[in-house]
Amino acid sequence: MNRFEFQRQESLKRRWQERRSVPNINSPRLVNGAIPPSTAPFKENPNRLQTFPGLDDDDLVSTVVPPVTVVLEGRSICQRISLHKHASYQSLARALRQMFVDGGEAGVASEQDLDLSNAIPGHIIAYEDIENDLLLAGDLNWKDFVRVAKRIRILPVKRNSRKGPTRGA
């Protein structure tokens, strides 16, 4: 073995020994047979996600759950609404009424009997889910609705213009 190969092997040995002596900061070290709390962030609540510094829960949810498009049939401009900012269908109904009927007036929030059936007079509120099926809003529980709704469609109610057969006397 020449001098160059010998120096190379010695250098590799030194680097190997240095790497073995440096502790791995990514692996938790056991203290008395248990992982210390500072190295186990999910020990207290394994279902809770770690948040990013500077972001609260609403900001984190808004980065994950995009707003849905609200389409009022007959209008060419759509609106967008963040469903995760509402707690129930009644809250959504108030927001839709402010968008399309009241024009942003705050007096509607006091109405207690407002729901999806009477939020926009003469219209029904439906939604498109992930599979593009058109379903009536209000049939699912609120959390499932927020999870699957992709687009909200406000459709005019068609009045039955046909009258039943008239019977002669």
C-alpha atoms as a PDB file:
ATOM      1  CA  MET A   1       0.000   0.000   0.000  1.00  0.00           C
ATOM      2  CA  ASN A   2       1.468   3.309  -1.002  1.00  0.00           C
ATOM      3  CA  ARG A   3       1.502   6.423   1.101  1.00  0.00           C
ATOM      4  CA  PHE A   4      -1.486   8.036  -0.664  1.00  0.00           C
ATOM      5  CA  GLU A   5      -3.780   5.025  -0.055  1.00  0.00           C
ATOM      6  CA  PHE A   6      -2.663   4.836   3.564  1.00  0.00           C
ATOM      7  CA  GLN A   7      -3.512   8.510   4.166  1.00  0.00           C
ATOM      8  CA  ARG A   8      -6.897   8.058   2.472  1.00  0.00           C
ATOM      9  CA  GLN A   9      -7.768   5.073   4.675  1.00  0.00           C
ATOM     10  CA  GLU A  10      -6.686   6.940   7.816  1.00  0.00           C
ATOM     11  CA  SER A  11      -8.837   9.905   6.791  1.00  0.00           C
ATOM     12  CA  LEU A  12     -11.849   7.656   6.224  1.00  0.00           C
ATOM     13  CA  LYS A  13     -11.319   5.982   9.622  1.00  0.00           C
ATOM     14  CA  ARG A  14     -11.204   9.363  11.349  1.00  0.00           C
ATOM     15  CA  ARG A  15     -14.405  10.514   9.655  1.00  0.00           C
ATOM     16  CA  TRP A  16     -16.124   7.259  10.551  1.00  0.00           C
ATOM     17  CA  GLN A  17     -15.127   7.593  14.185  1.00  0.00           C
ATOM     18  CA  GLU A  18     -16.260  11.242  14.268  1.00  0.00           C
ATOM     19  CA  ARG A  19     -19.658  10.333  12.853  1.00  0.00           C
ATOM     20  CA  ARG A  20     -20.130   7.566  15.355  1.00  0.00           C
ATOM     21  CA  SER A  21     -19.310   9.885  18.245  1.00  0.00           C
ATOM     22  CA  VAL A  22     -21.747  12.644  17.147  1.00  0.00           C
ATOM     23  CA  PRO A  23     -25.207  11.982  18.610  1.00  0.00           C
ATOM     24  CA  ASN A  24     -28.121  11.815  16.188  1.00  0.00           C
ATOM     25  CA  ILE A  25     -30.446  14.645  17.147  1.00  0.00           C
ATOM     26  CA  ASN A  26     -33.355  13.138  15.209  1.00  0.00           C
ATOM     27  CA  SER A  27     -33.578   9.940  17.228  1.00  0.00           C
ATOM     28  CA  PRO A  28     -35.070  10.216  20.732  1.00  0.00           C
ATOM     29  CA  ARG A  29     -32.881   9.054  23.564  1.00  0.00           C
ATOM     30  CA  LEU A  30     -34.362   6.917  26.273  1.00  0.00           C
ATOM     31  CA  VAL A  31     -34.219   8.314  29.786  1.00  0.00           C
ATOM     32  CA  ASN A  32     -35.007   5.694  32.410  1.00  0.00           C
ATOM     33  CA  GLY A  33     -36.669   3.554  29.754  1.00  0.00           C
ATOM     34  CA  ALA A  34     -39.001   6.326  28.489  1.00  0.00           C
ATOM     35  CA  ILE A  35     -38.848   9.064  25.897  1.00  0.00           C
ATOM     36  CA  PRO A  36     -38.490  12.458  27.576  1.00  0.00           C
ATOM     37  CA  PRO A  37     -41.398  14.888  26.960  1.00  0.00           C
ATOM     38  CA  SER A  38     -39.218  17.382  25.089  1.00  0.00           C
ATOM     39  CA  THR A  39     -38.441  14.802  22.405  1.00  0.00           C
ATOM     40  CA  ALA A  40     -41.954  13.351  22.203  1.00  0.00           C
ATOM     41  CA  PRO A  41     -44.257  16.082  20.876  1.00  0.00           C
ATOM     42  CA  PHE A  42     -47.115  13.648  20.193  1.00  0.00           C
ATOM     43  CA  LYS A  43     -46.920  11.892  23.577  1.00  0.00           C
ATOM     44  CA  GLU A  44     -49.631  14.010  25.250  1.00  0.00           C
ATOM     45  CA  ASN A  45     -52.218  13.907  22.454  1.00  0.00           C
ATOM     46  CA  PRO A  46     -51.329  11.675  19.504  1.00  0.00           C
ATOM     47  CA  ASN A  47     -54.328  12.922  17.449  1.00  0.00           C
ATOM     48  CA  ARG A  48     -53.385  16.611  17.645  1.00  0.00           C
ATOM     49  CA  LEU A  49     -51.369  17.948  14.752  1.00  0.00           C
ATOM     50  CA  GLN A  50     -48.418  20.161  15.444  1.00  0.00           C
ATOM     51  CA  THR A  51     -49.079  23.722  14.322  1.00  0.00           C
ATOM     52  CA  PHE A  52     -46.756  26.004  12.501  1.00  0.00           C
ATOM     53  CA  PRO A  53     -45.324  28.974  14.398  1.00  0.00           C
ATOM     54  CA  GLY A  54     -47.237  32.154  13.614  1.00  0.00           C
ATOM     55  CA  LEU A  55     -50.344  30.333  12.319  1.00  0.00           C
ATOM     56  CA  ASP A  56     -53.439  29.760  14.408  1.00  0.00           C
ATOM     57  CA  ASP A  57     -55.868  26.901  13.757  1.00  0.00           C
ATOM     58  CA  ASP A  58     -58.105  28.917  11.403  1.00  0.00           C
ATOM     59  CA  ASP A  59     -55.149  29.899   9.238  1.00  0.00           C
ATOM     60  CA  LEU A  60     -53.978  26.293   9.102  1.00  0.00           C
ATOM     61  CA  VAL A  61     -57.444  25.031   8.151  1.00  0.00           C
ATOM     62  CA  SER A  62     -57.796  27.705   5.461  1.00  0.00           C
ATOM     63  CA  THR A  63     -54.570  26.518   3.860  1.00  0.00           C
ATOM     64  CA  VAL A  64     -55.915  22.959   3.748  1.00  0.00           C
ATOM     65  CA  VAL A  65     -59.649  23.471   3.057  1.00  0.00           C
ATOM     66  CA  PRO A  66     -60.176  25.756   0.050  1.00  0.00           C
ATOM     67  CA  PRO A  67     -63.240  27.979  -0.239  1.00  0.00           C
ATOM     68  CA  VAL A  68     -66.114  26.633  -2.327  1.00  0.00           C
ATOM     69  CA  THR A  69     -67.753  28.377  -5.266  1.00  0.00           C
ATOM     70  CA  VAL A  70     -71.315  29.605  -4.829  1.00  0.00           C
ATOM     71  CA  VAL A  71     -73.279  29.773  -8.085  1.00  0.00           C
ATOM     72  CA  LEU A  72     -76.646  31.528  -8.268  1.00  0.00           C
ATOM     73  CA  GLU A  73     -78.393  30.306 -11.416  1.00  0.00           C
ATOM     74  CA  GLY A  74     -78.993  33.143 -13.826  1.00  0.00           C
ATOM     75  CA  ARG A  75     -76.033  35.235 -12.712  1.00  0.00           C
ATOM     76  CA  SER A  76     -72.759  35.204 -14.555  1.00  0.00           C
ATOM     77  CA  ILE A  77     -70.553  36.066 -11.571  1.00  0.00           C
ATOM     78  CA  CYS A  78     -69.916  33.490  -8.847  1.00  0.00           C
ATOM     79  CA  GLN A  79     -69.046  34.067  -5.196  1.00  0.00           C
ATOM     80  CA  ARG A  80     -66.679  32.084  -2.983  1.00  0.00           C
ATOM     81  CA  ILE A  81     -67.265  31.145   0.635  1.00  0.00           C
ATOM     82  CA  SER A  82     -65.109  29.377   3.229  1.00  0.00           C
ATOM     83  CA  LEU A  83     -67.277  26.712   4.813  1.00  0.00           C
ATOM     84  CA  HIS A  84     -64.871  26.062   7.676  1.00  0.00           C
ATOM     85  CA  LYS A  85     -65.599  29.563   9.019  1.00  0.00           C
ATOM     86  CA  HIS A  86     -69.237  28.621   9.632  1.00  0.00           C
ATOM     87  CA  ALA A  87     -70.426  26.408  12.441  1.00  0.00           C
ATOM     88  CA  SER A  88     -73.751  25.228  11.032  1.00  0.00           C
ATOM     89  CA  TYR A  89     -76.209  25.338   8.166  1.00  0.00           C
ATOM     90  CA  GLN A  90     -77.949  28.291   9.836  1.00  0.00           C
ATOM     91  CA  SER A  91     -74.726  30.302   9.764  1.00  0.00           C
ATOM     92  CA  LEU A  92     -74.267  29.401   6.098  1.00  0.00           C
ATOM     93  CA  ALA A  93     -77.865  30.447   5.365  1.00  0.00           C
ATOM     94  CA  ARG A  94     -77.232  33.859   6.980  1.00  0.00           C
ATOM     95  CA  ALA A  95     -74.089  34.327   4.899  1.00  0.00           C
ATOM     96  CA  LEU A  96     -75.826  33.349   1.659  1.00  0.00           C
ATOM     97  CA  ARG A  97     -78.731  35.689   2.414  1.00  0.00           C
ATOM     98  CA  GLN A  98     -76.310  38.552   3.029  1.00  0.00           C
ATOM     99  CA  MET A  99     -74.501  37.767  -0.229  1.00  0.00           C
ATOM    100  CA  PHE A 100     -77.476  37.510  -2.544  1.00  0.00           C
ATOM    101  CA  VAL A 101     -80.563  39.076  -0.942  1.00  0.00           C
ATOM    102  CA  ASP A 102     -79.617  41.765   1.555  1.00  0.00           C
ATOM    103  CA  GLY A 103     -76.473  42.980  -0.170  1.00  0.00           C
ATOM    104  CA  GLY A 104     -74.332  42.842   2.973  1.00  0.00           C
ATOM    105  CA  GLU A 105     -76.772  44.407   5.470  1.00  0.00           C
ATOM    106  CA  ALA A 106     -76.182  43.237   9.020  1.00  0.00           C
ATOM    107  CA  GLY A 107     -79.851  43.247  10.113  1.00  0.00           C
ATOM    108  CA  VAL A 108     -80.462  39.667   9.018  1.00  0.00           C
ATOM    109  CA  ALA A 109     -78.316  38.104  11.735  1.00  0.00           C
ATOM    110  CA  SER A 110     -81.108  38.628  14.275  1.00  0.00           C
ATOM    111  CA  GLU A 111     -83.533  36.303  12.459  1.00  0.00           C
ATOM    112  CA  GLN A 112     -83.811  33.084  14.445  1.00  0.00           C
ATOM    113  CA  ASP A 113     -85.877  30.999  12.007  1.00  0.00           C
ATOM    114  CA  LEU A 114     -83.529  31.418   9.045  1.00  0.00           C
ATOM    115  CA  ASP A 115     -82.370  28.148   7.484  1.00  0.00           C
ATOM    116  CA  LEU A 116     -81.424  26.880   4.032  1.00  0.00           C
ATOM    117  CA  SER A 117     -85.039  26.470   2.920  1.00  0.00           C
ATOM    118  CA  ASN A 118     -85.815  30.180   3.266  1.00  0.00           C
ATOM    119  CA  ALA A 119     -82.381  31.796   2.963  1.00  0.00           C
ATOM    120  CA  ILE A 120     -82.988  32.924  -0.608  1.00  0.00           C
ATOM    121  CA  PRO A 121     -86.693  33.247  -1.453  1.00  0.00           C
ATOM    122  CA  GLY A 122     -87.805  31.257  -4.492  1.00  0.00           C
ATOM    123  CA  HIS A 123     -84.619  29.168  -4.595  1.00  0.00           C
ATOM    124  CA  ILE A 124     -83.336  25.894  -3.193  1.00  0.00           C
ATOM    125  CA  ILE A 125     -79.743  25.331  -2.138  1.00  0.00           C
ATOM    126  CA  ALA A 126     -77.927  22.307  -3.488  1.00  0.00           C
ATOM    127  CA  TYR A 127     -74.272  21.308  -3.632  1.00  0.00           C
ATOM    128  CA  GLU A 128     -71.949  19.335  -5.838  1.00  0.00           C
ATOM    129  CA  ASP A 129     -69.854  16.765  -4.022  1.00  0.00           C
ATOM    130  CA  ILE A 130     -66.466  15.317  -4.879  1.00  0.00           C
ATOM    131  CA  GLU A 131     -68.030  12.986  -7.474  1.00  0.00           C
ATOM    132  CA  ASN A 132     -69.933  15.888  -9.148  1.00  0.00           C
ATOM    133  CA  ASP A 133     -73.300  14.608  -7.901  1.00  0.00           C
ATOM    134  CA  LEU A 134     -75.892  17.330  -7.249  1.00  0.00           C
ATOM    135  CA  LEU A 135     -77.433  16.879  -3.796  1.00  0.00           C
ATOM    136  CA  LEU A 136     -79.737  18.892  -1.572  1.00  0.00           C
ATOM    137  CA  ALA A 137     -77.856  20.879   1.061  1.00  0.00           C
ATOM    138  CA  GLY A 138     -78.840  20.056   4.617  1.00  0.00           C
ATOM    139  CA  ASP A 139     -79.100  16.295   4.225  1.00  0.00           C
ATOM    140  CA  LEU A 140     -75.660  15.531   5.705  1.00  0.00           C
ATOM    141  CA  ASN A 141     -74.397  16.560   9.098  1.00  0.00           C
ATOM    142  CA  TRP A 142     -72.413  19.792   8.994  1.00  0.00           C
ATOM    143  CA  LYS A 143     -68.884  18.354   9.255  1.00  0.00           C
ATOM    144  CA  ASP A 144     -69.460  15.854   6.453  1.00  0.00           C
ATOM    145  CA  PHE A 145     -70.968  18.595   4.295  1.00  0.00           C
ATOM    146  CA  VAL A 146     -67.889  20.805   4.773  1.00  0.00           C
ATOM    147  CA  ARG A 147     -65.665  17.870   3.888  1.00  0.00           C
ATOM    148  CA  VAL A 148     -67.405  16.837   0.650  1.00  0.00           C
ATOM    149  CA  ALA A 149     -68.948  20.037  -0.757  1.00  0.00           C
ATOM    150  CA  LYS A 150     -67.107  21.302  -3.797  1.00  0.00           C
ATOM    151  CA  ARG A 151     -69.602  23.827  -5.164  1.00  0.00           C
ATOM    152  CA  ILE A 152     -72.850  25.298  -3.831  1.00  0.00           C
ATOM    153  CA  ARG A 153     -75.564  25.856  -6.424  1.00  0.00           C
ATOM    154  CA  ILE A 154     -78.615  28.006  -5.751  1.00  0.00           C
ATOM    155  CA  LEU A 155     -81.369  26.872  -8.098  1.00  0.00           C
ATOM    156  CA  PRO A 156     -84.723  28.554  -8.775  1.00  0.00           C
ATOM    157  CA  VAL A 157     -87.769  26.621  -7.652  1.00  0.00           C
ATOM    158  CA  LYS A 158     -89.881  25.722 -10.649  1.00  0.00           C
ATOM    159  CA  ARG A 159     -93.528  26.406 -10.032  1.00  0.00           C
ATOM    160  CA  ASN A 160     -95.925  23.770 -11.232  1.00  0.00           C
ATOM    161  CA  SER A 161     -97.692  25.549 -14.076  1.00  0.00           C
ATOM    162  CA  ARG A 162     -99.699  22.506 -15.126  1.00  0.00           C
ATOM    163  CA  LYS A 163    -103.044  22.195 -13.514  1.00  0.00           C
ATOM    164  CA  GLY A 164    -104.686  18.889 -12.915  1.00  0.00           C
ATOM    165  CA  PRO A 165    -107.380  17.691 -15.250  1.00  0.00           C
ATOM    166  CA  THR A 166    -110.609  19.565 -14.766  1.00  0.00           C
ATOM    167  CA  ARG A 167    -113.608  17.395 -14.342  1.00  0.00           C
ATOM    168  CA  GLY A 168    -116.815  18.350 -15.973  1.00  0.00           C
ATOM    169  CA  ALA A 169    -120.029  18.517 -13.991  1.00  0.00           C
END
